[in-house]
Amino acid sequence: MSTGRRRTRVLVGAAVVAVAALSLQGCAIVDGSGDDPDTLRVMMGADTTYPKERAQWQRETAAEFERTTGADIQWETYSTPQEELTAIQTSVISGQGPDVYAIGTTFTPTAYATGAFVEMGAEQWEAVGGKDQFAPASLGISGPSTSKQIGIPFASRPFVMAVNTELLARAGITDLPTSWDQLTEDARKTTGDGTYGMAIAYADGFDPWKFVWGMAQNAGNTIVDGGTAEIDAPAVEQAYRTYFDWVTKDGVVDPAAIGWNNPQALAQFADGKAAFFPMTTTTSLNSLKGSAVDGKYEYALLPTVPPGASERPADGIEAASILSGDNLVVADYGSKQDLSFAFVKQVSSPQAQERYFELFGQLPTNSVAADRIAEQNPDLAPIVRAGELSKPTAFTGAWSDVQLSLVDVVVQSIPSLKSGEVSDDQLRKRLAAAQRDAQATLDRQKNGGL
């Protein structure tokens, strides 16, 4: 099916969803049509962990881009998954917006479903420096098949745990946990004397659903099975229960973490006040360098045995991480595709990818750069292994809404967490609502909407 036909098929549905979304939340798109032929509009997520480094990278990138193309870059940002989705939907409706998006890998299916982004053929891959420059695993969620792809891999962020080896040794823990129950037990052993077993960020807009997704995958639940949502299933309920109990029943998480975002949880671990920092990536490297735990921590795989089990069931999935990172997508509604591909080629080069790792700790998707960094940093072996064991989320245009439904269960539970308990009845009602919302989105997608 051609790009034009795909776009026509989803445009009406996209408009309905986007207008509804815009009535509920602000839009992050900068005003303007982007008609200036000498200015490329690039949108990417705001970096609250390394804002100075982000500004520096943008200056360096824009200067190099102007030197090679004569064009400027107008940087635009989104701060939450909701803003990310709204920005994509708004561009589809208006037929204008950023020329290049850096989007989370899990949002690539939604972007693909709009039909508003360039499908990469041989000519397009050549324009960005060749498809073979990218690590094969990084292309795993670029499109529904190897011949239908819009996502150009930009950064890889497999999720792992950071482990305070000093606190584990003090507690007599010699083996790293491989099951979620073992992690909870080890967290209990390392809680006390001003430290907690785990650093968690319950209020973060991106982290919580990944815990639930991983635990459910390990139990054999993929959240979406074909066109059917599986959010109200026992495995998902058990995942949320485990995640919530860490701060309420188990007491292994600082109660203040109920209001934390990821940088605050990272800071607690960096201060030596937590034994485990699960669901982190190499982006934590720069924050841990020179910190209280420098030389006293290591990375390890997240558990892959589900809660309540001592071994993974026969249908369980060894998903050590979601296939995580950022893809670049090029808008097909504008007239600056040559400039867009020039930008992608520039930031995909080995030198540019190594610089990005130096500033932000995000692993390259360029194979040459990735190999160099692996050779220079043997302590990153668990993260490389996590990348090999990563699994993609369901490739459906409905996934972004499904993901938001998973996050919303946590958002709605924050007041209950603060009061000390999320009851079974409260959790099941929220899961039932998330199931209805997710299934409605899947049904709408099946019938031609976004």
Protein backbone atom coordinates (compact mmCIF):
# COMPACT_ATOMS: atom_id res chain seq x y z
CA MET A 1 0.00 0.00 0.00
CA SER A 2 1.42 3.40 -0.94
CA THR A 3 2.17 6.10 1.62
CA GLY A 4 -0.59 8.30 0.21
CA ARG A 5 -3.21 5.58 0.50
CA ARG A 6 -2.10 4.71 4.04
CA ARG A 7 -2.37 8.34 5.04
CA THR A 8 -5.85 8.73 3.55
CA ARG A 9 -7.00 5.62 5.38
CA VAL A 10 -6.05 6.94 8.80
CA LEU A 11 -6.49 10.70 8.47
CA VAL A 12 -10.11 10.96 9.62
CA GLY A 13 -9.51 8.69 12.59
CA ALA A 14 -6.35 10.59 13.46
CA ALA A 15 -8.22 13.88 13.41
CA VAL A 16 -10.84 12.65 15.84
CA VAL A 17 -8.24 11.33 18.27
CA ALA A 18 -5.97 14.36 18.00
CA VAL A 19 -8.73 16.93 18.47
CA ALA A 20 -9.83 15.08 21.59
CA ALA A 21 -6.25 14.96 22.84
CA LEU A 22 -5.69 18.66 22.17
CA SER A 23 -8.77 19.54 24.20
CA LEU A 24 -7.24 17.84 27.23
CA GLN A 25 -3.56 18.74 27.08
CA GLY A 26 -1.15 21.33 25.76
CA CYS A 27 0.67 20.92 22.48
CA ALA A 28 4.45 21.10 22.39
CA ILE A 29 4.76 22.10 18.73
CA VAL A 30 6.25 25.51 18.07
CA ASP A 31 3.93 27.77 16.05
CA GLY A 32 4.78 28.23 12.41
CA SER A 33 4.39 26.36 9.16
CA GLY A 34 8.06 25.57 8.71
CA ASP A 35 7.98 27.02 5.18
CA ASP A 36 11.45 28.59 5.48
CA PRO A 37 13.48 26.48 3.04
CA ASP A 38 16.68 27.18 4.96
CA THR A 39 15.45 26.04 8.37
CA LEU A 40 14.99 22.41 9.37
CA ARG A 41 12.57 21.76 12.23
CA VAL A 42 13.70 18.92 14.49
CA MET A 43 11.62 17.73 17.45
CA MET A 44 12.92 15.50 20.24
CA GLY A 45 12.27 14.80 23.89
CA ALA A 46 13.40 17.35 26.47
CA ASP A 47 16.39 16.18 28.53
CA THR A 48 15.79 16.95 32.20
CA THR A 49 18.79 14.88 33.33
CA TYR A 50 21.42 16.57 31.16
CA PRO A 51 19.97 19.92 30.01
CA LYS A 52 23.37 21.64 29.68
CA GLU A 53 24.77 18.80 27.63
CA ARG A 54 21.65 18.81 25.46
CA ALA A 55 22.09 22.51 24.73
CA GLN A 56 25.75 21.93 23.93
CA TRP A 57 24.96 19.05 21.57
CA GLN A 58 22.33 21.12 19.80
CA ARG A 59 24.79 23.98 19.28
CA GLU A 60 27.47 21.65 17.95
CA THR A 61 25.05 19.79 15.70
CA ALA A 62 23.49 22.95 14.30
CA ALA A 63 26.91 24.48 13.60
CA GLU A 64 28.05 21.40 11.67
CA PHE A 65 24.74 21.27 9.81
CA GLU A 66 25.05 24.89 8.75
CA ARG A 67 28.64 24.31 7.65
CA THR A 68 27.70 21.37 5.40
CA THR A 69 24.25 22.43 4.15
CA GLY A 70 23.98 26.18 4.75
CA ALA A 71 20.71 25.61 6.63
CA ASP A 72 19.70 26.29 10.23
CA ILE A 73 18.03 23.95 12.72
CA GLN A 74 15.00 24.96 14.77
CA TRP A 75 14.87 22.67 17.82
CA GLU A 76 11.50 21.78 19.35
CA THR A 77 10.73 19.53 22.31
CA TYR A 78 8.13 17.40 24.02
CA SER A 79 8.29 16.60 27.73
CA THR A 80 5.82 13.74 28.21
CA PRO A 81 4.46 10.78 26.23
CA GLN A 82 1.17 12.65 25.94
CA GLU A 83 2.90 15.63 24.32
CA GLU A 84 4.81 13.26 22.03
CA LEU A 85 1.57 11.68 20.83
CA THR A 86 -0.20 15.03 20.47
CA ALA A 87 2.65 16.46 18.40
CA ILE A 88 2.49 13.54 15.95
CA GLN A 89 -1.30 13.72 15.68
CA THR A 90 -1.31 17.49 15.18
CA SER A 91 1.21 17.26 12.36
CA VAL A 92 -0.86 14.59 10.63
CA ILE A 93 -4.01 16.70 10.73
CA SER A 94 -2.41 19.97 9.65
CA GLY A 95 0.03 18.51 7.16
CA GLN A 96 2.76 20.66 8.68
CA GLY A 97 5.07 20.54 11.62
CA PRO A 98 8.58 19.32 12.39
CA ASP A 99 10.54 17.89 9.48
CA VAL A 100 12.31 15.29 11.64
CA TYR A 101 11.12 13.67 14.85
CA ALA A 102 13.24 11.78 17.35
CA ILE A 103 10.61 9.52 18.88
CA GLY A 104 10.75 6.74 21.43
CA THR A 105 10.88 3.34 19.77
CA THR A 106 7.54 2.34 21.28
CA PHE A 107 5.87 5.27 19.50
CA THR A 108 7.15 4.19 16.08
CA PRO A 109 4.10 1.98 15.37
CA THR A 110 1.80 4.96 15.97
CA ALA A 111 3.88 7.13 13.68
CA TYR A 112 3.83 4.40 11.03
CA ALA A 113 0.05 4.07 11.24
CA THR A 114 -0.44 7.74 10.36
CA GLY A 115 1.19 7.28 6.95
CA ALA A 116 2.69 10.76 7.44
CA PHE A 117 6.34 9.68 7.55
CA VAL A 118 8.68 8.59 4.78
CA GLU A 119 8.87 4.87 4.20
CA MET A 120 12.53 3.98 3.81
CA GLY A 121 13.41 2.37 0.50
CA ALA A 122 16.84 1.76 -1.01
CA GLU A 123 17.17 5.39 -2.14
CA GLN A 124 16.24 6.76 1.27
CA TRP A 125 18.58 4.43 3.17
CA GLU A 126 21.40 5.42 0.85
CA ALA A 127 20.66 9.09 1.53
CA VAL A 128 21.27 8.60 5.26
CA GLY A 129 24.50 6.67 4.77
CA GLY A 130 23.23 3.14 4.21
CA LYS A 131 21.05 0.73 6.15
CA ASP A 132 23.98 -1.59 6.84
CA GLN A 133 25.65 0.98 9.12
CA PHE A 134 23.08 0.22 11.82
CA ALA A 135 23.27 -2.66 14.28
CA PRO A 136 20.65 -5.20 13.09
CA ALA A 137 18.97 -5.42 16.51
CA SER A 138 18.35 -1.66 16.50
CA LEU A 139 16.09 -2.05 13.46
CA GLY A 140 13.74 -4.39 15.31
CA ILE A 141 10.94 -1.84 15.70
CA SER A 142 11.51 0.35 12.64
CA GLY A 143 8.39 -0.95 10.92
CA PRO A 144 6.03 -3.92 10.63
CA SER A 145 8.50 -5.77 8.38
CA THR A 146 12.02 -5.43 7.03
CA SER A 147 10.64 -3.98 3.79
CA LYS A 148 8.25 -1.51 5.42
CA GLN A 149 10.17 0.73 7.79
CA ILE A 150 10.05 4.39 8.78
CA GLY A 151 12.22 4.36 11.91
CA ILE A 152 15.91 5.16 11.50
CA PRO A 153 17.77 4.00 14.65
CA PHE A 154 19.35 6.92 16.51
CA ALA A 155 20.09 5.83 20.09
CA SER A 156 19.85 2.55 22.00
CA ARG A 157 18.84 2.37 25.66
CA PRO A 158 18.51 -1.22 26.90
CA PHE A 159 17.26 -1.28 30.48
CA VAL A 160 19.25 -2.87 33.30
CA MET A 161 19.85 -2.48 37.04
CA ALA A 162 22.59 -0.45 38.64
CA VAL A 163 23.76 -2.32 41.75
CA ASN A 164 25.63 -0.91 44.76
CA THR A 165 28.17 -3.69 45.31
CA GLU A 166 29.27 -2.30 48.68
CA LEU A 167 25.74 -2.44 50.13
CA LEU A 168 25.19 -5.95 48.75
CA ALA A 169 28.45 -7.18 50.29
CA ARG A 170 27.51 -5.62 53.63
CA ALA A 171 24.22 -7.55 53.52
CA GLY A 172 25.98 -10.81 52.62
CA ILE A 173 24.46 -10.99 49.15
CA THR A 174 26.83 -12.75 46.77
CA ASP A 175 24.57 -13.62 43.83
CA LEU A 176 22.60 -11.09 41.84
CA PRO A 177 18.82 -11.71 41.74
CA THR A 178 17.41 -13.35 38.62
CA SER A 179 13.75 -13.36 39.72
CA TRP A 180 11.58 -10.42 40.76
CA ASP A 181 10.88 -12.13 44.11
CA GLN A 182 14.63 -12.47 44.74
CA LEU A 183 15.06 -8.78 43.96
CA THR A 184 12.37 -7.91 46.51
CA GLU A 185 14.01 -10.14 49.13
CA ASP A 186 17.48 -8.67 48.49
CA ALA A 187 15.96 -5.19 48.70
CA ARG A 188 14.61 -6.06 52.16
CA LYS A 189 18.08 -7.21 53.26
CA THR A 190 19.65 -3.93 52.16
CA THR A 191 17.03 -1.59 53.63
CA GLY A 192 17.98 0.15 56.88
CA ASP A 193 20.49 2.53 58.45
CA GLY A 194 19.45 5.33 56.12
CA THR A 195 19.47 3.28 52.93
CA TYR A 196 16.72 1.64 50.90
CA GLY A 197 16.76 -1.53 48.85
CA MET A 198 15.57 0.14 45.67
CA ALA A 199 15.49 3.56 44.04
CA ILE A 200 12.19 3.87 42.14
CA ALA A 201 10.44 6.80 40.42
CA TYR A 202 6.69 6.29 40.70
CA ALA A 203 5.75 9.70 39.28
CA ASP A 204 7.93 9.38 36.19
CA GLY A 205 6.01 9.53 32.93
CA PHE A 206 8.15 6.92 31.19
CA ASP A 207 9.41 4.35 33.75
CA PRO A 208 6.49 2.68 35.58
CA TRP A 209 4.84 0.87 32.66
CA LYS A 210 8.16 -0.76 31.73
CA PHE A 211 8.24 -2.64 35.05
CA VAL A 212 4.74 -3.95 34.44
CA TRP A 213 5.45 -4.83 30.80
CA GLY A 214 8.62 -6.74 31.75
CA MET A 215 7.07 -8.74 34.59
CA ALA A 216 4.05 -9.58 32.43
CA GLN A 217 6.25 -10.69 29.52
CA ASN A 218 8.20 -12.94 31.86
CA ALA A 219 4.88 -14.55 32.81
CA GLY A 220 3.86 -15.02 29.16
CA ASN A 221 1.54 -12.00 28.87
CA THR A 222 2.40 -9.66 25.97
CA ILE A 223 -0.12 -6.91 26.95
CA VAL A 224 -1.43 -6.98 23.37
CA ASP A 225 -2.08 -10.28 21.61
CA GLY A 226 -2.96 -9.54 17.99
CA GLY A 227 -5.96 -7.25 18.24
CA THR A 228 -6.77 -8.11 21.85
CA ALA A 229 -5.67 -6.24 24.96
CA GLU A 230 -4.60 -8.33 27.98
CA ILE A 231 -4.31 -5.65 30.65
CA ASP A 232 -6.90 -7.04 33.08
CA ALA A 233 -5.16 -10.45 33.20
CA PRO A 234 -3.77 -11.95 36.46
CA ALA A 235 -0.14 -11.61 35.33
CA VAL A 236 -0.56 -7.87 34.83
CA GLU A 237 -2.36 -7.45 38.15
CA GLN A 238 0.48 -9.33 39.87
CA ALA A 239 3.01 -7.05 38.18
CA TYR A 240 1.31 -3.90 39.42
CA ARG A 241 0.86 -5.43 42.86
CA THR A 242 4.59 -6.20 43.10
CA TYR A 243 5.52 -2.71 41.91
CA PHE A 244 3.16 -0.96 44.35
CA ASP A 245 4.01 -3.20 47.31
CA TRP A 246 7.67 -2.20 47.18
CA VAL A 247 6.80 1.17 48.68
CA THR A 248 3.74 0.21 50.74
CA LYS A 249 3.86 -3.38 52.05
CA ASP A 250 7.57 -4.24 51.64
CA GLY A 251 8.97 -0.86 52.68
CA VAL A 252 12.04 -1.20 50.46
CA VAL A 253 11.52 2.13 48.68
CA ASP A 254 11.70 5.61 50.17
CA PRO A 255 8.09 6.89 50.51
CA ALA A 256 9.26 10.17 48.97
CA ALA A 257 9.78 8.23 45.72
CA ILE A 258 6.01 8.28 45.17
CA GLY A 259 6.54 11.82 43.90
CA TRP A 260 9.86 11.26 42.14
CA ASN A 261 10.88 11.34 38.51
CA ASN A 262 13.80 9.30 37.20
CA PRO A 263 16.54 11.90 37.93
CA GLN A 264 15.58 11.93 41.61
CA ALA A 265 15.76 8.14 41.88
CA LEU A 266 19.12 8.23 40.08
CA ALA A 267 20.35 10.85 42.54
CA GLN A 268 19.41 8.63 45.50
CA PHE A 269 21.41 5.75 44.04
CA ALA A 270 24.34 8.05 43.17
CA ASP A 271 24.40 9.23 46.80
CA GLY A 272 24.85 5.63 47.97
CA LYS A 273 21.40 5.54 49.57
CA ALA A 274 19.95 2.64 47.56
CA ALA A 275 21.21 -0.86 46.80
CA PHE A 276 19.43 -1.35 43.49
CA PHE A 277 18.40 1.12 40.81
CA PRO A 278 16.30 -0.97 38.43
CA MET A 279 15.12 0.24 35.03
CA THR A 280 18.09 2.43 34.22
CA THR A 281 20.27 2.66 31.13
CA THR A 282 23.72 3.88 30.17
CA THR A 283 22.29 7.39 30.48
CA SER A 284 23.12 7.04 34.19
CA LEU A 285 26.87 6.73 33.49
CA ASN A 286 27.67 10.43 33.55
CA SER A 287 25.68 11.01 36.74
CA LEU A 288 27.45 8.16 38.54
CA LYS A 289 30.91 9.28 37.48
CA GLY A 290 32.52 11.03 40.43
CA SER A 291 29.53 10.27 42.66
CA ALA A 292 29.54 8.55 46.05
CA VAL A 293 29.17 5.17 44.32
CA ASP A 294 31.85 5.66 41.68
CA GLY A 295 33.87 2.44 41.71
CA LYS A 296 31.30 0.77 43.97
CA TYR A 297 28.60 -0.15 41.48
CA GLU A 298 28.02 -2.36 38.46
CA TYR A 299 25.28 -2.99 35.95
CA ALA A 300 23.28 -6.23 35.88
CA LEU A 301 20.40 -7.72 33.94
CA LEU A 302 16.90 -7.12 35.23
CA PRO A 303 15.15 -10.25 36.53
CA THR A 304 13.42 -12.39 33.91
CA VAL A 305 11.46 -14.72 36.23
CA PRO A 306 7.99 -13.31 37.00
CA PRO A 307 6.69 -12.43 40.48
CA GLY A 308 5.45 -15.43 42.42
CA ALA A 309 7.65 -17.91 40.54
CA SER A 310 11.08 -19.45 41.04
CA GLU A 311 11.52 -20.15 37.34
CA ARG A 312 10.10 -18.73 34.15
CA PRO A 313 6.99 -20.65 32.95
CA ALA A 314 7.03 -22.53 29.66
CA ASP A 315 5.29 -19.67 27.86
CA GLY A 316 7.29 -16.99 29.65
CA ILE A 317 9.44 -14.62 27.61
CA GLU A 318 13.05 -13.85 28.53
CA ALA A 319 12.56 -10.15 27.98
CA ALA A 320 15.44 -8.48 29.80
CA SER A 321 14.35 -5.11 28.41
CA ILE A 322 11.99 -3.53 25.97
CA LEU A 323 13.64 -2.78 22.62
CA SER A 324 14.33 0.75 23.76
CA GLY A 325 15.83 3.90 22.38
CA ASP A 326 14.99 6.57 19.83
CA ASN A 327 14.18 6.37 16.15
CA LEU A 328 14.35 9.28 13.74
CA VAL A 329 11.40 9.63 11.36
CA VAL A 330 11.20 12.02 8.42
CA ALA A 331 7.92 13.78 7.63
CA ASP A 332 6.52 13.28 4.14
CA TYR A 333 4.21 16.34 4.33
CA GLY A 334 6.99 18.88 3.77
CA SER A 335 9.45 19.83 1.07
CA LYS A 336 12.67 19.44 3.04
CA GLN A 337 13.33 15.73 2.78
CA ASP A 338 16.80 16.26 1.31
CA LEU A 339 17.74 18.42 4.29
CA SER A 340 16.11 15.92 6.64
CA PHE A 341 18.15 13.03 5.25
CA ALA A 342 21.31 15.16 5.45
CA PHE A 343 20.60 15.74 9.15
CA VAL A 344 20.01 12.04 9.78
CA LYS A 345 23.21 11.13 7.94
CA GLN A 346 25.17 13.62 10.03
CA VAL A 347 23.96 12.34 13.42
CA SER A 348 24.28 8.69 12.32
CA SER A 349 28.02 8.84 11.59
CA PRO A 350 30.38 6.95 13.94
CA GLN A 351 31.92 10.19 15.18
CA ALA A 352 28.55 11.80 15.91
CA GLN A 353 27.27 8.68 17.64
CA GLU A 354 30.35 8.43 19.85
CA ARG A 355 29.94 12.09 20.76
CA TYR A 356 26.32 11.45 21.71
CA PHE A 357 27.45 8.59 23.96
CA GLU A 358 30.10 10.83 25.52
CA LEU A 359 27.53 13.49 26.42
CA PHE A 360 24.51 11.37 27.35
CA GLY A 361 25.68 7.78 27.81
CA GLN A 362 23.26 6.47 25.19
CA LEU A 363 24.58 3.53 23.19
CA PRO A 364 25.15 4.05 19.47
CA THR A 365 23.05 2.33 16.85
CA ASN A 366 25.88 2.75 14.35
CA SER A 367 27.71 -0.60 14.38
CA VAL A 368 31.22 0.86 14.11
CA ALA A 369 30.64 3.26 17.00
CA ALA A 370 28.93 0.57 19.09
CA ASP A 371 31.85 -1.83 18.65
CA ARG A 372 34.39 0.83 19.63
CA ILE A 373 32.50 1.74 22.79
CA ALA A 374 32.04 -1.92 23.77
CA GLU A 375 35.78 -2.48 23.42
CA GLN A 376 36.63 0.58 25.47
CA ASN A 377 34.04 -0.14 28.21
CA PRO A 378 34.00 -3.86 29.08
CA ASP A 379 31.90 -3.09 32.18
CA LEU A 380 29.00 -2.37 29.82
CA ALA A 381 28.74 -6.09 28.92
CA PRO A 382 25.46 -6.58 30.88
CA ILE A 383 23.91 -3.68 28.96
CA VAL A 384 25.03 -5.15 25.65
CA ARG A 385 23.52 -8.47 26.74
CA ALA A 386 20.29 -6.72 27.72
CA GLY A 387 20.15 -5.29 24.22
CA GLU A 388 20.46 -8.80 22.80
CA LEU A 389 17.61 -10.00 25.03
CA SER A 390 15.39 -6.99 24.33
CA LYS A 391 11.90 -7.58 22.96
CA PRO A 392 9.79 -5.08 21.01
CA THR A 393 6.40 -3.91 22.12
CA ALA A 394 3.46 -4.85 19.90
CA PHE A 395 3.73 -3.18 16.49
CA THR A 396 0.32 -1.55 16.30
CA GLY A 397 -0.71 2.03 15.81
CA ALA A 398 -2.70 1.64 19.00
CA TRP A 399 0.37 1.00 21.14
CA SER A 400 0.91 4.61 22.23
CA ASP A 401 -2.59 4.71 23.72
CA VAL A 402 -2.11 1.26 25.27
CA GLN A 403 1.12 2.52 26.84
CA LEU A 404 -0.64 5.61 28.18
CA SER A 405 -3.34 3.37 29.66
CA LEU A 406 -0.65 1.40 31.52
CA VAL A 407 0.87 4.63 32.84
CA ASP A 408 -2.54 5.95 33.86
CA VAL A 409 -3.05 3.04 36.26
CA VAL A 410 0.00 4.30 38.18
CA VAL A 411 -1.02 7.96 37.92
CA GLN A 412 -4.45 7.20 39.37
CA SER A 413 -2.85 5.13 42.15
CA ILE A 414 -0.50 7.88 43.40
CA PRO A 415 -2.97 9.17 46.04
CA SER A 416 -3.51 5.61 47.29
CA LEU A 417 0.23 5.02 47.45
CA LYS A 418 0.63 8.16 49.52
CA SER A 419 -2.04 6.90 51.92
CA GLY A 420 -0.14 3.63 52.31
CA GLU A 421 -2.11 1.10 50.27
CA VAL A 422 -3.53 0.38 46.83
CA SER A 423 -6.34 -2.06 47.56
CA ASP A 424 -7.11 -5.03 45.34
CA ASP A 425 -10.49 -3.52 44.51
CA GLN A 426 -8.94 -0.19 43.50
CA LEU A 427 -6.32 -1.89 41.34
CA ARG A 428 -8.80 -4.17 39.57
CA LYS A 429 -11.14 -1.27 38.77
CA ARG A 430 -8.26 0.69 37.28
CA LEU A 431 -7.09 -2.30 35.28
CA ALA A 432 -10.62 -2.86 33.98
CA ALA A 433 -10.80 0.78 32.85
CA ALA A 434 -7.36 0.53 31.21
CA GLN A 435 -8.47 -2.67 29.47
CA ARG A 436 -11.57 -0.96 28.06
CA ASP A 437 -9.58 2.03 26.85
CA ALA A 438 -6.86 -0.10 25.29
CA GLN A 439 -9.33 -2.43 23.58
CA ALA A 440 -11.30 0.51 22.21
CA THR A 441 -8.12 1.91 20.70
CA LEU A 442 -7.18 -1.46 19.21
CA ASP A 443 -10.67 -1.79 17.74
CA ARG A 444 -10.48 1.72 16.30
CA GLN A 445 -7.10 0.92 14.78
CA LYS A 446 -8.50 -2.27 13.24
CA ASN A 447 -11.32 -0.27 11.67
CA GLY A 448 -8.99 2.26 10.09
CA GLY A 449 -8.51 4.91 12.77
CA LEU A 450 -5.34 5.98 14.52
